[in-house]
N, C-alpha and C. Protein backbone atom coordinates (compact mmCIF):
# COMPACT_ATOMS: atom_id res chain seq x y z
N MET A 1 283.39 42.96 -59.29
CA MET A 1 284.59 42.31 -59.75
C MET A 1 284.20 41.29 -60.82
N GLY A 2 284.85 41.31 -61.96
CA GLY A 2 284.51 40.44 -63.08
C GLY A 2 285.07 39.04 -62.91
N LYS A 3 284.41 38.12 -63.55
CA LYS A 3 284.82 36.72 -63.55
C LYS A 3 286.01 36.55 -64.47
N GLU A 4 287.00 35.79 -64.03
CA GLU A 4 288.17 35.53 -64.86
C GLU A 4 287.81 34.51 -65.94
N THR A 5 288.26 34.75 -67.16
CA THR A 5 287.95 33.87 -68.28
C THR A 5 288.83 32.62 -68.21
N SER A 6 288.19 31.45 -68.32
CA SER A 6 288.94 30.19 -68.29
C SER A 6 289.66 29.98 -69.62
N ILE A 7 290.59 29.06 -69.66
CA ILE A 7 291.34 28.78 -70.88
C ILE A 7 290.41 28.26 -71.97
N VAL A 8 289.42 27.46 -71.60
CA VAL A 8 288.46 26.95 -72.58
C VAL A 8 287.65 28.11 -73.16
N GLU A 9 287.21 29.02 -72.31
CA GLU A 9 286.44 30.17 -72.78
C GLU A 9 287.28 31.05 -73.70
N LYS A 10 288.55 31.21 -73.38
CA LYS A 10 289.43 32.01 -74.24
C LYS A 10 289.56 31.37 -75.61
N LEU A 11 289.75 30.04 -75.64
CA LEU A 11 289.85 29.34 -76.93
C LEU A 11 288.54 29.41 -77.69
N GLU A 12 287.41 29.30 -76.99
CA GLU A 12 286.11 29.40 -77.65
C GLU A 12 285.91 30.78 -78.27
N LEU A 13 286.47 31.82 -77.66
CA LEU A 13 286.36 33.17 -78.20
C LEU A 13 287.20 33.35 -79.46
N VAL A 14 288.33 32.67 -79.51
CA VAL A 14 289.27 32.84 -80.63
C VAL A 14 288.96 31.90 -81.78
N ILE A 15 288.40 30.72 -81.48
CA ILE A 15 288.17 29.70 -82.51
C ILE A 15 286.67 29.43 -82.62
N PRO A 16 286.03 29.93 -83.66
CA PRO A 16 284.59 29.66 -83.82
C PRO A 16 284.33 28.15 -83.94
N GLY A 17 283.35 27.67 -83.20
CA GLY A 17 282.97 26.26 -83.26
C GLY A 17 283.71 25.36 -82.30
N PHE A 18 284.68 25.90 -81.56
CA PHE A 18 285.46 25.09 -80.62
C PHE A 18 284.58 24.73 -79.43
N HIS A 19 284.65 23.47 -78.99
CA HIS A 19 283.81 22.97 -77.90
C HIS A 19 284.60 22.60 -76.65
N GLY A 20 285.89 22.76 -76.68
CA GLY A 20 286.69 22.47 -75.49
C GLY A 20 286.90 21.00 -75.23
N TYR A 21 286.88 20.18 -76.27
CA TYR A 21 287.09 18.73 -76.14
C TYR A 21 286.08 18.12 -75.18
N LYS A 22 284.88 18.67 -75.14
CA LYS A 22 283.89 18.23 -74.15
C LYS A 22 283.26 16.89 -74.49
N LYS A 23 283.03 16.63 -75.73
CA LYS A 23 282.39 15.39 -76.12
C LYS A 23 283.34 14.58 -76.98
N LYS A 24 283.38 13.29 -76.74
CA LYS A 24 284.33 12.43 -77.42
C LYS A 24 284.23 12.56 -78.95
N GLU A 25 283.00 12.63 -79.48
CA GLU A 25 282.84 12.70 -80.92
C GLU A 25 283.30 14.04 -81.51
N LEU A 26 283.46 15.06 -80.66
CA LEU A 26 283.88 16.37 -81.13
C LEU A 26 285.38 16.61 -80.96
N ILE A 27 286.07 15.68 -80.36
CA ILE A 27 287.48 15.89 -80.06
C ILE A 27 288.31 16.07 -81.32
N ARG A 28 288.13 15.20 -82.30
CA ARG A 28 288.89 15.35 -83.55
C ARG A 28 288.56 16.66 -84.24
N GLU A 29 287.29 17.04 -84.22
CA GLU A 29 286.87 18.30 -84.84
C GLU A 29 287.51 19.49 -84.13
N ASP A 30 287.52 19.48 -82.79
CA ASP A 30 288.15 20.56 -82.03
C ASP A 30 289.64 20.63 -82.35
N ASP A 31 290.28 19.48 -82.44
CA ASP A 31 291.70 19.44 -82.78
C ASP A 31 291.93 20.06 -84.15
N ARG A 32 291.08 19.72 -85.11
CA ARG A 32 291.20 20.27 -86.46
C ARG A 32 290.99 21.78 -86.44
N LEU A 33 290.02 22.26 -85.65
CA LEU A 33 289.76 23.70 -85.54
C LEU A 33 290.97 24.45 -84.98
N VAL A 34 291.56 23.90 -83.93
CA VAL A 34 292.73 24.53 -83.32
C VAL A 34 293.87 24.60 -84.33
N ARG A 35 294.17 23.46 -84.96
CA ARG A 35 295.26 23.44 -85.92
C ARG A 35 294.98 24.37 -87.10
N GLY A 36 293.72 24.45 -87.53
CA GLY A 36 293.35 25.35 -88.62
C GLY A 36 293.58 26.80 -88.26
N LYS A 37 293.19 27.18 -87.04
CA LYS A 37 293.38 28.56 -86.57
C LYS A 37 294.87 28.91 -86.53
N VAL A 38 295.66 28.01 -85.98
CA VAL A 38 297.11 28.25 -85.88
C VAL A 38 297.73 28.32 -87.27
N ALA A 39 297.37 27.38 -88.14
CA ALA A 39 297.93 27.36 -89.49
C ALA A 39 297.53 28.61 -90.28
N ASP A 40 296.29 29.05 -90.12
CA ASP A 40 295.84 30.27 -90.81
C ASP A 40 296.64 31.50 -90.34
N THR A 41 296.91 31.58 -89.06
CA THR A 41 297.70 32.69 -88.52
C THR A 41 299.12 32.63 -89.06
N LEU A 42 299.69 31.42 -89.10
CA LEU A 42 301.04 31.26 -89.66
C LEU A 42 301.05 31.58 -91.16
N ALA A 43 299.97 31.28 -91.86
CA ALA A 43 299.88 31.61 -93.29
C ALA A 43 299.88 33.13 -93.49
N LEU A 44 299.16 33.85 -92.63
CA LEU A 44 299.20 35.32 -92.69
C LEU A 44 300.62 35.83 -92.47
N ALA A 45 301.30 35.24 -91.50
CA ALA A 45 302.68 35.63 -91.22
C ALA A 45 303.58 35.32 -92.42
N ARG A 46 303.35 34.17 -93.05
CA ARG A 46 304.15 33.80 -94.22
C ARG A 46 303.95 34.79 -95.36
N ARG A 47 302.71 35.18 -95.60
CA ARG A 47 302.45 36.15 -96.67
C ARG A 47 303.11 37.50 -96.35
N GLU A 48 303.04 37.89 -95.10
CA GLU A 48 303.71 39.13 -94.68
C GLU A 48 305.23 39.00 -94.85
N MET A 49 305.75 37.82 -94.57
CA MET A 49 307.19 37.55 -94.72
C MET A 49 307.58 37.61 -96.19
N GLU A 50 306.73 37.13 -97.07
CA GLU A 50 307.02 37.20 -98.50
C GLU A 50 307.06 38.65 -98.98
N ARG A 51 306.19 39.48 -98.42
CA ARG A 51 306.24 40.92 -98.75
C ARG A 51 307.55 41.53 -98.24
N ALA A 52 307.95 41.14 -97.05
CA ALA A 52 309.21 41.65 -96.50
C ALA A 52 310.39 41.21 -97.37
N LEU A 53 310.34 39.99 -97.84
CA LEU A 53 311.41 39.48 -98.70
C LEU A 53 311.49 40.27 -100.00
N GLN A 54 310.35 40.58 -100.58
CA GLN A 54 310.32 41.39 -101.81
C GLN A 54 310.87 42.79 -101.55
N ARG A 55 310.45 43.40 -100.46
CA ARG A 55 310.94 44.73 -100.12
C ARG A 55 312.44 44.71 -99.87
N CYS A 56 312.91 43.67 -99.21
CA CYS A 56 314.34 43.53 -98.91
C CYS A 56 315.14 43.40 -100.21
N ALA A 57 314.60 42.64 -101.16
CA ALA A 57 315.28 42.48 -102.45
C ALA A 57 315.34 43.80 -103.21
N MET A 58 314.29 44.60 -103.09
CA MET A 58 314.25 45.90 -103.79
C MET A 58 315.29 46.88 -103.27
N VAL A 59 315.58 46.82 -101.97
CA VAL A 59 316.55 47.76 -101.40
C VAL A 59 317.91 47.11 -101.15
N SER A 60 318.07 45.88 -101.63
CA SER A 60 319.32 45.13 -101.49
C SER A 60 319.82 45.08 -100.05
N CYS A 61 318.94 44.68 -99.15
CA CYS A 61 319.35 44.61 -97.74
C CYS A 61 320.21 43.37 -97.49
N ALA A 62 321.03 43.45 -96.48
CA ALA A 62 321.99 42.39 -96.17
C ALA A 62 321.33 41.16 -95.54
N GLN A 63 320.10 41.28 -95.09
CA GLN A 63 319.41 40.18 -94.40
C GLN A 63 318.56 39.33 -95.34
N LEU A 64 318.75 39.47 -96.65
CA LEU A 64 317.90 38.77 -97.62
C LEU A 64 317.91 37.26 -97.40
N VAL A 65 319.07 36.67 -97.26
CA VAL A 65 319.18 35.21 -97.09
C VAL A 65 318.55 34.79 -95.75
N ALA A 66 318.81 35.55 -94.71
CA ALA A 66 318.24 35.22 -93.40
C ALA A 66 316.72 35.29 -93.43
N ILE A 67 316.18 36.30 -94.09
CA ILE A 67 314.73 36.44 -94.19
C ILE A 67 314.15 35.30 -95.00
N ASP A 68 314.82 34.92 -96.08
CA ASP A 68 314.32 33.79 -96.88
C ASP A 68 314.37 32.49 -96.07
N ASN A 69 315.41 32.30 -95.28
CA ASN A 69 315.48 31.10 -94.43
C ASN A 69 314.35 31.08 -93.40
N LEU A 70 314.03 32.22 -92.83
CA LEU A 70 312.92 32.30 -91.88
C LEU A 70 311.59 32.03 -92.59
N ARG A 71 311.46 32.51 -93.81
CA ARG A 71 310.25 32.26 -94.59
C ARG A 71 310.07 30.76 -94.81
N LYS A 72 311.16 30.08 -95.15
CA LYS A 72 311.10 28.63 -95.37
C LYS A 72 310.74 27.89 -94.08
N LYS A 73 311.31 28.33 -92.98
CA LYS A 73 311.00 27.73 -91.69
C LYS A 73 309.53 27.93 -91.34
N LEU A 74 309.03 29.12 -91.61
CA LEU A 74 307.63 29.44 -91.36
C LEU A 74 306.71 28.58 -92.23
N MET A 75 307.08 28.41 -93.49
CA MET A 75 306.29 27.57 -94.39
C MET A 75 306.25 26.13 -93.89
N ALA A 76 307.39 25.63 -93.42
CA ALA A 76 307.45 24.26 -92.93
C ALA A 76 306.58 24.08 -91.69
N LEU A 77 306.61 25.05 -90.78
CA LEU A 77 305.78 24.98 -89.58
C LEU A 77 304.30 25.05 -89.93
N GLU A 78 303.95 25.93 -90.84
CA GLU A 78 302.55 26.05 -91.27
C GLU A 78 302.07 24.71 -91.83
N SER A 79 302.88 24.12 -92.68
CA SER A 79 302.52 22.84 -93.29
C SER A 79 302.43 21.73 -92.25
N ARG A 80 303.36 21.72 -91.33
CA ARG A 80 303.37 20.70 -90.27
C ARG A 80 302.10 20.78 -89.42
N VAL A 81 301.67 21.99 -89.11
CA VAL A 81 300.46 22.17 -88.31
C VAL A 81 299.22 21.82 -89.13
N ARG A 82 299.14 22.33 -90.35
CA ARG A 82 297.95 22.14 -91.17
C ARG A 82 297.75 20.69 -91.58
N HIS A 83 298.84 19.98 -91.86
CA HIS A 83 298.72 18.64 -92.41
C HIS A 83 299.04 17.53 -91.42
N ALA A 84 299.08 17.87 -90.16
CA ALA A 84 299.29 16.84 -89.13
C ALA A 84 298.12 15.87 -89.18
N GLU A 85 298.38 14.65 -88.80
CA GLU A 85 297.32 13.64 -88.78
C GLU A 85 296.17 14.14 -87.92
N ALA A 86 294.99 14.14 -88.47
CA ALA A 86 293.82 14.64 -87.76
C ALA A 86 293.56 13.85 -86.50
N GLY A 87 293.51 14.56 -85.40
CA GLY A 87 293.14 13.93 -84.14
C GLY A 87 294.25 13.24 -83.41
N TYR A 88 295.45 13.17 -83.95
CA TYR A 88 296.54 12.49 -83.28
C TYR A 88 296.03 11.17 -82.71
N ARG A 89 295.78 10.24 -83.59
CA ARG A 89 295.10 8.98 -83.29
C ARG A 89 295.48 8.34 -81.97
N GLY A 90 296.75 8.26 -81.63
CA GLY A 90 297.16 7.60 -80.40
C GLY A 90 296.51 8.18 -79.16
N TYR A 91 296.31 9.46 -79.15
CA TYR A 91 295.71 10.11 -77.98
C TYR A 91 294.19 10.07 -78.02
N PHE A 92 293.63 10.39 -79.16
CA PHE A 92 292.19 10.56 -79.23
C PHE A 92 291.42 9.25 -79.35
N ASP A 93 292.08 8.14 -79.56
CA ASP A 93 291.38 6.86 -79.61
C ASP A 93 291.23 6.27 -78.23
N ARG A 94 291.79 6.88 -77.22
CA ARG A 94 291.61 6.38 -75.87
C ARG A 94 290.14 6.44 -75.49
N VAL A 95 289.73 5.50 -74.68
CA VAL A 95 288.33 5.43 -74.28
C VAL A 95 288.02 6.47 -73.21
N LYS A 96 288.90 6.64 -72.28
CA LYS A 96 288.64 7.52 -71.15
C LYS A 96 289.62 8.71 -71.17
N PHE A 97 289.08 9.89 -70.97
CA PHE A 97 289.89 11.09 -70.94
C PHE A 97 289.94 11.61 -69.51
N LYS A 98 291.12 11.90 -69.07
CA LYS A 98 291.27 12.47 -67.74
C LYS A 98 291.31 13.99 -67.87
N GLU A 99 290.69 14.64 -66.90
CA GLU A 99 290.56 16.09 -66.96
C GLU A 99 291.92 16.78 -67.00
N ASP A 100 292.89 16.30 -66.24
CA ASP A 100 294.20 16.96 -66.24
C ASP A 100 294.89 16.82 -67.60
N GLU A 101 294.66 15.70 -68.31
CA GLU A 101 295.23 15.54 -69.64
C GLU A 101 294.60 16.52 -70.63
N LEU A 102 293.28 16.66 -70.54
CA LEU A 102 292.60 17.60 -71.43
C LEU A 102 293.02 19.03 -71.12
N ASN A 103 293.18 19.35 -69.86
CA ASN A 103 293.63 20.69 -69.49
C ASN A 103 295.03 20.97 -70.03
N ARG A 104 295.88 19.97 -69.98
CA ARG A 104 297.24 20.14 -70.52
C ARG A 104 297.20 20.36 -72.03
N LEU A 105 296.34 19.60 -72.72
CA LEU A 105 296.18 19.78 -74.15
C LEU A 105 295.66 21.18 -74.47
N LEU A 106 294.71 21.65 -73.68
CA LEU A 106 294.18 23.00 -73.86
C LEU A 106 295.27 24.05 -73.65
N GLU A 107 296.14 23.82 -72.68
CA GLU A 107 297.24 24.76 -72.45
C GLU A 107 298.18 24.81 -73.66
N TYR A 108 298.47 23.65 -74.23
CA TYR A 108 299.30 23.63 -75.45
C TYR A 108 298.60 24.39 -76.58
N ASP A 109 297.30 24.14 -76.74
CA ASP A 109 296.55 24.82 -77.80
C ASP A 109 296.60 26.33 -77.62
N ALA A 110 296.32 26.78 -76.41
CA ALA A 110 296.33 28.22 -76.14
C ALA A 110 297.72 28.81 -76.39
N ARG A 111 298.75 28.11 -76.00
CA ARG A 111 300.12 28.60 -76.19
C ARG A 111 300.47 28.65 -77.69
N MET A 112 300.04 27.65 -78.45
CA MET A 112 300.32 27.67 -79.89
C MET A 112 299.62 28.84 -80.57
N ILE A 113 298.38 29.10 -80.19
CA ILE A 113 297.66 30.24 -80.77
C ILE A 113 298.34 31.55 -80.39
N GLU A 114 298.72 31.66 -79.14
CA GLU A 114 299.41 32.86 -78.67
C GLU A 114 300.73 33.06 -79.41
N LEU A 115 301.52 32.00 -79.57
CA LEU A 115 302.79 32.11 -80.27
C LEU A 115 302.60 32.43 -81.76
N ALA A 116 301.58 31.85 -82.38
CA ALA A 116 301.32 32.15 -83.79
C ALA A 116 301.01 33.63 -83.96
N GLU A 117 300.23 34.20 -83.03
CA GLU A 117 299.94 35.64 -83.08
C GLU A 117 301.21 36.46 -82.86
N GLU A 118 302.06 36.02 -81.94
CA GLU A 118 303.32 36.72 -81.69
C GLU A 118 304.22 36.66 -82.93
N ILE A 119 304.23 35.52 -83.60
CA ILE A 119 305.03 35.37 -84.83
C ILE A 119 304.53 36.35 -85.88
N LEU A 120 303.22 36.44 -86.05
CA LEU A 120 302.64 37.38 -87.01
C LEU A 120 303.06 38.81 -86.67
N ASN A 121 303.01 39.17 -85.41
CA ASN A 121 303.42 40.52 -84.99
C ASN A 121 304.91 40.75 -85.23
N GLU A 122 305.72 39.74 -84.97
CA GLU A 122 307.17 39.87 -85.21
C GLU A 122 307.47 40.05 -86.70
N VAL A 123 306.74 39.34 -87.55
CA VAL A 123 306.95 39.48 -89.00
C VAL A 123 306.56 40.88 -89.44
N LYS A 124 305.45 41.39 -88.91
CA LYS A 124 305.05 42.76 -89.25
C LYS A 124 306.11 43.76 -88.80
N ALA A 125 306.67 43.54 -87.62
CA ALA A 125 307.74 44.42 -87.12
C ALA A 125 308.96 44.33 -88.02
N LEU A 126 309.31 43.12 -88.43
CA LEU A 126 310.45 42.91 -89.33
C LEU A 126 310.21 43.66 -90.64
N ASN A 127 309.01 43.53 -91.17
CA ASN A 127 308.69 44.19 -92.43
C ASN A 127 308.84 45.71 -92.32
N GLY A 128 308.55 46.25 -91.16
CA GLY A 128 308.68 47.68 -90.95
C GLY A 128 310.11 48.16 -90.77
N GLN A 129 311.05 47.22 -90.62
CA GLN A 129 312.45 47.58 -90.37
C GLN A 129 313.37 47.33 -91.58
N ILE A 130 312.80 47.04 -92.73
CA ILE A 130 313.61 46.69 -93.91
C ILE A 130 314.65 47.76 -94.22
N ALA A 131 314.32 49.01 -94.08
CA ALA A 131 315.24 50.10 -94.43
C ALA A 131 316.23 50.42 -93.32
N ASN A 132 316.11 49.80 -92.16
CA ASN A 132 316.98 50.06 -91.02
C ASN A 132 317.79 48.80 -90.71
N PRO A 133 319.02 48.69 -91.25
CA PRO A 133 319.78 47.45 -91.13
C PRO A 133 319.98 46.94 -89.70
N GLN A 134 320.28 47.83 -88.77
CA GLN A 134 320.52 47.38 -87.39
C GLN A 134 319.23 46.84 -86.75
N ALA A 135 318.13 47.58 -86.91
CA ALA A 135 316.85 47.14 -86.36
C ALA A 135 316.37 45.87 -87.07
N LEU A 136 316.66 45.76 -88.36
CA LEU A 136 316.27 44.57 -89.12
C LEU A 136 316.97 43.33 -88.59
N GLY A 137 318.25 43.47 -88.28
CA GLY A 137 319.00 42.34 -87.72
C GLY A 137 318.39 41.85 -86.42
N MET A 138 317.98 42.78 -85.56
CA MET A 138 317.34 42.40 -84.29
C MET A 138 315.97 41.76 -84.55
N ALA A 139 315.24 42.29 -85.53
CA ALA A 139 313.93 41.73 -85.86
C ALA A 139 314.06 40.30 -86.37
N VAL A 140 315.10 40.04 -87.17
CA VAL A 140 315.36 38.69 -87.67
C VAL A 140 315.64 37.74 -86.51
N LEU A 141 316.48 38.18 -85.57
CA LEU A 141 316.80 37.34 -84.40
C LEU A 141 315.56 37.09 -83.54
N ASN A 142 314.75 38.13 -83.32
CA ASN A 142 313.54 37.98 -82.52
C ASN A 142 312.57 36.99 -83.16
N LEU A 143 312.40 37.10 -84.47
CA LEU A 143 311.50 36.19 -85.17
C LEU A 143 312.03 34.75 -85.11
N ASP A 144 313.32 34.59 -85.29
CA ASP A 144 313.90 33.25 -85.21
C ASP A 144 313.65 32.63 -83.84
N ASP A 145 313.81 33.43 -82.78
CA ASP A 145 313.53 32.94 -81.42
C ASP A 145 312.08 32.49 -81.28
N LYS A 146 311.14 33.27 -81.83
CA LYS A 146 309.71 32.92 -81.76
C LYS A 146 309.43 31.63 -82.51
N LEU A 147 310.05 31.47 -83.68
CA LEU A 147 309.84 30.26 -84.46
C LEU A 147 310.38 29.02 -83.75
N VAL A 148 311.53 29.16 -83.12
CA VAL A 148 312.10 28.05 -82.35
C VAL A 148 311.19 27.70 -81.18
N ASN A 149 310.70 28.71 -80.49
CA ASN A 149 309.79 28.50 -79.37
C ASN A 149 308.51 27.80 -79.83
N PHE A 150 307.96 28.25 -80.96
CA PHE A 150 306.75 27.63 -81.49
C PHE A 150 307.01 26.17 -81.83
N GLU A 151 308.14 25.92 -82.47
CA GLU A 151 308.51 24.55 -82.86
C GLU A 151 308.58 23.63 -81.64
N GLU A 152 309.13 24.13 -80.55
CA GLU A 152 309.24 23.35 -79.32
C GLU A 152 307.86 23.04 -78.75
N VAL A 153 306.98 24.04 -78.69
CA VAL A 153 305.64 23.84 -78.16
C VAL A 153 304.86 22.87 -79.04
N LEU A 154 304.97 23.02 -80.34
CA LEU A 154 304.28 22.12 -81.27
C LEU A 154 304.77 20.69 -81.08
N GLY A 155 306.07 20.52 -80.97
CA GLY A 155 306.63 19.18 -80.76
C GLY A 155 306.14 18.55 -79.47
N LYS A 156 306.11 19.35 -78.41
CA LYS A 156 305.63 18.85 -77.12
C LYS A 156 304.15 18.48 -77.19
N ARG A 157 303.37 19.33 -77.85
CA ARG A 157 301.93 19.05 -77.98
C ARG A 157 301.70 17.77 -78.76
N MET A 158 302.40 17.60 -79.87
CA MET A 158 302.22 16.43 -80.70
C MET A 158 302.65 15.16 -79.95
N SER A 159 303.75 15.25 -79.22
CA SER A 159 304.20 14.10 -78.43
C SER A 159 303.19 13.77 -77.34
N PHE A 160 302.70 14.79 -76.67
CA PHE A 160 301.72 14.58 -75.61
C PHE A 160 300.43 13.97 -76.17
N ALA A 161 299.97 14.54 -77.29
CA ALA A 161 298.72 14.06 -77.89
C ALA A 161 298.84 12.64 -78.43
N ALA A 162 300.05 12.25 -78.78
CA ALA A 162 300.28 10.89 -79.27
C ALA A 162 300.45 9.90 -78.13
N GLY A 163 300.44 10.41 -76.91
CA GLY A 163 300.56 9.54 -75.74
C GLY A 163 301.99 9.20 -75.38
N GLU A 164 302.93 9.96 -75.88
CA GLU A 164 304.35 9.69 -75.60
C GLU A 164 304.80 10.37 -74.31
């Protein structure tokens, strides 16, 4: 029977150089690595969304405005993640870290990475439905739900990391 992979091990597999917030001096670096991974995945989704927007314009699909609005939302989320204050000073300047707090932060990180991957997959699905108006409408709604979910998790993580 195989050993179950811990959340830290999963993050270490997905993010090269991640140390699991193990050492105080590496905490800001780990935070930057996590945010970089998430932002890079969202950037891939944004580029895929831009291709979908071009394809939609070529075939004059009815979802053009909705797709452009989702693209803008995706760009804003990518920027918010990439350019967030490094280390969330309020949280990372604490002298003592409690294990349950770090575990909670790791859970937020893992969820953000998971959602960013889901967003990328939803954008690819949307791009594949450009010629099918009914399926495209559902793909737009599904992607919007994923973006809202990501926004909520990001907000919670940032609030938690700031000590709020």
